[in-house]
Amino acid sequence: MVPDEGSEALRDLVRAREAAKQDQTRARHRLSKFLLRSGQRPPIGVKPWTRPYLIWVAQLRFTQIAQESTRVRQGRGAIPPYCRNQWRKRLPILT
């Protein structure tokens, strides 16, 4: 059976979503490992990738320019685009 155009388009959409989720997972791992290497731990009771966690990450500041740049860049990749648009004004990590 050869899939029709609609079925093939839906399959492409599913593949694209899976790839995007994999990219997001990798970005989250990169950010969390960077924070661990730099000795940053979230406050007790703050679960990863919740709103309080993202606010905590946004409020972190590093004295080294390279580390600060890494925090900002890794943070952007770890947060899905629809959240970036929604939280842009509230989370400085996204600007």
N, C-alpha and C. Protein backbone atom coordinates (compact mmCIF):
# COMPACT_ATOMS: atom_id res chain seq x y z
N MET A 1 0.84 -1.19 0.00
CA MET A 1 0.00 0.00 0.00
C MET A 1 0.88 1.25 0.00
N VAL A 2 0.58 2.15 -0.88
CA VAL A 2 1.28 3.42 -0.96
C VAL A 2 0.45 4.46 -0.22
N PRO A 3 1.03 5.14 0.78
CA PRO A 3 0.25 6.13 1.52
C PRO A 3 -0.10 7.34 0.65
N ASP A 4 -1.27 7.89 0.91
CA ASP A 4 -1.67 9.08 0.16
C ASP A 4 -0.93 10.31 0.72
N GLU A 5 -1.12 11.46 0.09
CA GLU A 5 -0.41 12.67 0.49
C GLU A 5 -0.73 13.08 1.92
N GLY A 6 -1.98 12.95 2.32
CA GLY A 6 -2.38 13.32 3.68
C GLY A 6 -1.70 12.46 4.73
N SER A 7 -1.67 11.16 4.47
CA SER A 7 -1.01 10.24 5.41
C SER A 7 0.48 10.51 5.50
N GLU A 8 1.09 10.77 4.36
CA GLU A 8 2.53 11.04 4.34
C GLU A 8 2.84 12.36 5.06
N ALA A 9 1.99 13.35 4.89
CA ALA A 9 2.18 14.63 5.58
C ALA A 9 2.07 14.44 7.09
N LEU A 10 1.12 13.62 7.52
CA LEU A 10 0.96 13.36 8.94
C LEU A 10 2.18 12.62 9.50
N ARG A 11 2.69 11.68 8.75
CA ARG A 11 3.88 10.95 9.18
C ARG A 11 5.08 11.90 9.30
N ASP A 12 5.20 12.83 8.34
CA ASP A 12 6.28 13.82 8.41
C ASP A 12 6.14 14.69 9.66
N LEU A 13 4.92 15.06 9.98
CA LEU A 13 4.68 15.87 11.18
C LEU A 13 5.07 15.12 12.44
N VAL A 14 4.72 13.85 12.51
CA VAL A 14 5.07 13.03 13.67
C VAL A 14 6.59 12.90 13.78
N ARG A 15 7.26 12.68 12.67
CA ARG A 15 8.73 12.58 12.69
C ARG A 15 9.36 13.89 13.15
N ALA A 16 8.84 15.00 12.65
CA ALA A 16 9.39 16.31 13.04
C ALA A 16 9.19 16.56 14.52
N ARG A 17 8.04 16.18 15.06
CA ARG A 17 7.79 16.37 16.49
C ARG A 17 8.74 15.51 17.33
N GLU A 18 8.92 14.27 16.91
CA GLU A 18 9.85 13.38 17.64
C GLU A 18 11.27 13.95 17.62
N ALA A 19 11.69 14.47 16.49
CA ALA A 19 13.03 15.05 16.39
C ALA A 19 13.15 16.28 17.28
N ALA A 20 12.11 17.10 17.32
CA ALA A 20 12.12 18.30 18.16
C ALA A 20 12.19 17.92 19.64
N LYS A 21 11.44 16.90 20.05
CA LYS A 21 11.49 16.47 21.44
C LYS A 21 12.87 15.92 21.80
N GLN A 22 13.50 15.20 20.89
CA GLN A 22 14.86 14.70 21.13
C GLN A 22 15.84 15.87 21.28
N ASP A 23 15.69 16.88 20.42
CA ASP A 23 16.55 18.05 20.51
C ASP A 23 16.37 18.75 21.85
N GLN A 24 15.11 18.87 22.29
CA GLN A 24 14.83 19.52 23.57
C GLN A 24 15.44 18.73 24.73
N THR A 25 15.31 17.42 24.69
CA THR A 25 15.88 16.57 25.74
C THR A 25 17.39 16.73 25.79
N ARG A 26 18.04 16.73 24.63
CA ARG A 26 19.49 16.92 24.60
C ARG A 26 19.88 18.29 25.16
N ALA A 27 19.13 19.32 24.80
CA ALA A 27 19.43 20.67 25.29
C ALA A 27 19.25 20.74 26.81
N ARG A 28 18.21 20.11 27.32
CA ARG A 28 18.00 20.08 28.77
C ARG A 28 19.15 19.37 29.48
N HIS A 29 19.61 18.27 28.90
CA HIS A 29 20.73 17.54 29.50
C HIS A 29 21.99 18.41 29.49
N ARG A 30 22.24 19.10 28.37
CA ARG A 30 23.42 19.96 28.30
C ARG A 30 23.36 21.05 29.36
N LEU A 31 22.19 21.68 29.53
CA LEU A 31 22.06 22.74 30.53
C LEU A 31 22.23 22.19 31.93
N SER A 32 21.57 21.08 32.25
CA SER A 32 21.66 20.55 33.61
C SER A 32 23.09 20.10 33.93
N LYS A 33 23.78 19.51 32.96
CA LYS A 33 25.17 19.08 33.19
C LYS A 33 26.09 20.29 33.35
N PHE A 34 25.86 21.34 32.57
CA PHE A 34 26.63 22.57 32.72
C PHE A 34 26.45 23.14 34.13
N LEU A 35 25.22 23.18 34.60
CA LEU A 35 24.96 23.72 35.93
C LEU A 35 25.63 22.86 37.01
N LEU A 36 25.58 21.54 36.84
CA LEU A 36 26.25 20.66 37.81
C LEU A 36 27.76 20.86 37.80
N ARG A 37 28.34 20.98 36.60
CA ARG A 37 29.79 21.19 36.51
C ARG A 37 30.21 22.51 37.15
N SER A 38 29.34 23.50 37.08
CA SER A 38 29.68 24.80 37.65
C SER A 38 29.28 24.92 39.12
N GLY A 39 28.79 23.81 39.69
CA GLY A 39 28.48 23.79 41.12
C GLY A 39 27.13 24.39 41.48
N GLN A 40 26.27 24.58 40.52
CA GLN A 40 24.95 25.16 40.79
C GLN A 40 23.94 24.04 41.03
N ARG A 41 23.23 24.14 42.13
CA ARG A 41 22.18 23.17 42.46
C ARG A 41 20.91 23.94 42.74
N PRO A 42 19.78 23.46 42.25
CA PRO A 42 18.52 24.17 42.52
C PRO A 42 18.18 24.11 44.01
N PRO A 43 17.40 25.06 44.48
CA PRO A 43 16.99 25.03 45.89
C PRO A 43 16.24 23.74 46.21
N ILE A 44 16.27 23.35 47.46
CA ILE A 44 15.58 22.14 47.89
C ILE A 44 14.09 22.28 47.59
N GLY A 45 13.52 21.24 47.03
CA GLY A 45 12.09 21.22 46.73
C GLY A 45 11.74 21.73 45.34
N VAL A 46 12.72 22.23 44.60
CA VAL A 46 12.45 22.71 43.24
C VAL A 46 12.74 21.58 42.27
N LYS A 47 11.70 21.12 41.60
CA LYS A 47 11.84 20.02 40.65
C LYS A 47 12.31 20.54 39.29
N PRO A 48 13.14 19.76 38.60
CA PRO A 48 13.66 20.19 37.31
C PRO A 48 12.56 20.46 36.28
N TRP A 49 12.76 21.50 35.50
CA TRP A 49 11.96 21.87 34.36
C TRP A 49 10.54 22.33 34.71
N THR A 50 10.34 22.67 35.97
CA THR A 50 9.09 23.30 36.37
C THR A 50 9.29 24.81 36.26
N ARG A 51 8.23 25.54 36.40
CA ARG A 51 8.34 26.99 36.33
C ARG A 51 9.31 27.56 37.38
N PRO A 52 9.23 27.12 38.66
CA PRO A 52 10.21 27.62 39.64
C PRO A 52 11.66 27.31 39.25
N TYR A 53 11.88 26.16 38.63
CA TYR A 53 13.23 25.79 38.19
C TYR A 53 13.71 26.74 37.10
N LEU A 54 12.84 27.03 36.13
CA LEU A 54 13.21 27.93 35.05
C LEU A 54 13.47 29.34 35.57
N ILE A 55 12.70 29.76 36.54
CA ILE A 55 12.93 31.07 37.15
C ILE A 55 14.28 31.08 37.86
N TRP A 56 14.58 30.00 38.57
CA TRP A 56 15.88 29.89 39.25
C TRP A 56 17.02 29.97 38.24
N VAL A 57 16.91 29.23 37.13
CA VAL A 57 17.95 29.27 36.10
C VAL A 57 18.08 30.68 35.53
N ALA A 58 16.95 31.34 35.31
CA ALA A 58 16.97 32.69 34.75
C ALA A 58 17.64 33.69 35.69
N GLN A 59 17.55 33.45 36.98
CA GLN A 59 18.13 34.38 37.95
C GLN A 59 19.60 34.11 38.24
N LEU A 60 20.13 32.98 37.78
CA LEU A 60 21.55 32.69 37.98
C LEU A 60 22.39 33.68 37.20
N ARG A 61 23.52 34.06 37.78
CA ARG A 61 24.47 34.91 37.10
C ARG A 61 25.87 34.35 37.35
N PHE A 62 26.68 34.37 36.30
CA PHE A 62 28.05 33.89 36.40
C PHE A 62 29.00 35.07 36.21
N THR A 63 30.12 35.04 36.89
CA THR A 63 31.09 36.13 36.78
C THR A 63 31.88 36.04 35.48
N GLN A 64 32.09 34.83 34.99
CA GLN A 64 32.80 34.65 33.73
C GLN A 64 31.84 34.83 32.56
N ILE A 65 32.25 35.64 31.61
CA ILE A 65 31.39 35.94 30.45
C ILE A 65 31.06 34.66 29.68
N ALA A 66 32.03 33.78 29.53
CA ALA A 66 31.80 32.55 28.78
C ALA A 66 30.74 31.68 29.47
N GLN A 67 30.79 31.60 30.80
CA GLN A 67 29.79 30.81 31.52
C GLN A 67 28.41 31.45 31.41
N GLU A 68 28.34 32.76 31.51
CA GLU A 68 27.05 33.45 31.40
C GLU A 68 26.46 33.25 30.01
N SER A 69 27.30 33.33 29.00
CA SER A 69 26.84 33.11 27.64
C SER A 69 26.34 31.67 27.47
N THR A 70 27.04 30.72 28.05
CA THR A 70 26.63 29.32 27.99
C THR A 70 25.28 29.14 28.66
N ARG A 71 25.08 29.74 29.82
CA ARG A 71 23.81 29.62 30.53
C ARG A 71 22.66 30.13 29.67
N VAL A 72 22.85 31.28 29.05
CA VAL A 72 21.79 31.87 28.23
C VAL A 72 21.51 31.01 27.01
N ARG A 73 22.56 30.61 26.31
CA ARG A 73 22.37 29.81 25.09
C ARG A 73 21.78 28.44 25.38
N GLN A 74 22.28 27.78 26.40
CA GLN A 74 21.74 26.46 26.75
C GLN A 74 20.29 26.58 27.23
N GLY A 75 20.00 27.64 27.96
CA GLY A 75 18.64 27.84 28.44
C GLY A 75 17.65 28.02 27.31
N ARG A 76 18.05 28.73 26.29
CA ARG A 76 17.16 28.94 25.13
C ARG A 76 16.83 27.62 24.46
N GLY A 77 17.81 26.76 24.33
CA GLY A 77 17.58 25.48 23.66
C GLY A 77 16.75 24.51 24.48
N ALA A 78 16.77 24.68 25.79
CA ALA A 78 16.08 23.74 26.67
C ALA A 78 14.60 24.05 26.84
N ILE A 79 14.19 25.24 26.44
CA ILE A 79 12.79 25.64 26.62
C ILE A 79 12.10 25.65 25.27
N PRO A 80 10.95 24.98 25.15
CA PRO A 80 10.26 24.92 23.87
C PRO A 80 9.85 26.31 23.38
N PRO A 81 9.81 26.51 22.07
CA PRO A 81 9.48 27.83 21.53
C PRO A 81 8.16 28.41 22.02
N TYR A 82 7.14 27.57 22.18
CA TYR A 82 5.86 28.13 22.63
C TYR A 82 5.95 28.67 24.05
N CYS A 83 6.81 28.10 24.87
CA CYS A 83 7.02 28.63 26.22
C CYS A 83 7.85 29.90 26.17
N ARG A 84 8.81 29.97 25.24
CA ARG A 84 9.62 31.17 25.12
C ARG A 84 8.75 32.38 24.83
N ASN A 85 7.81 32.23 23.92
CA ASN A 85 6.94 33.34 23.58
C ASN A 85 6.03 33.70 24.75
N GLN A 86 5.55 32.72 25.46
CA GLN A 86 4.62 32.93 26.56
C GLN A 86 5.31 33.57 27.76
N TRP A 87 6.55 33.19 28.03
CA TRP A 87 7.23 33.64 29.25
C TRP A 87 8.30 34.68 29.01
N ARG A 88 8.43 35.18 27.80
CA ARG A 88 9.53 36.07 27.43
C ARG A 88 9.72 37.23 28.42
N LYS A 89 8.65 37.86 28.83
CA LYS A 89 8.76 39.02 29.72
C LYS A 89 9.09 38.62 31.14
N ARG A 90 8.76 37.40 31.52
CA ARG A 90 8.95 36.98 32.92
C ARG A 90 10.27 36.28 33.17
N LEU A 91 10.87 35.74 32.12
CA LEU A 91 12.11 34.99 32.32
C LEU A 91 13.23 35.63 31.50
N PRO A 92 14.15 36.34 32.14
CA PRO A 92 15.22 37.00 31.41
C PRO A 92 16.14 36.05 30.65
N ILE A 93 16.12 34.76 30.98
CA ILE A 93 16.96 33.80 30.27
C ILE A 93 16.56 33.73 28.80
N LEU A 94 15.36 34.12 28.48
CA LEU A 94 14.84 33.95 27.13
C LEU A 94 15.08 35.14 26.24
N THR A 95 15.62 36.21 26.76
CA THR A 95 15.78 37.40 25.93
C THR A 95 17.12 37.44 25.26
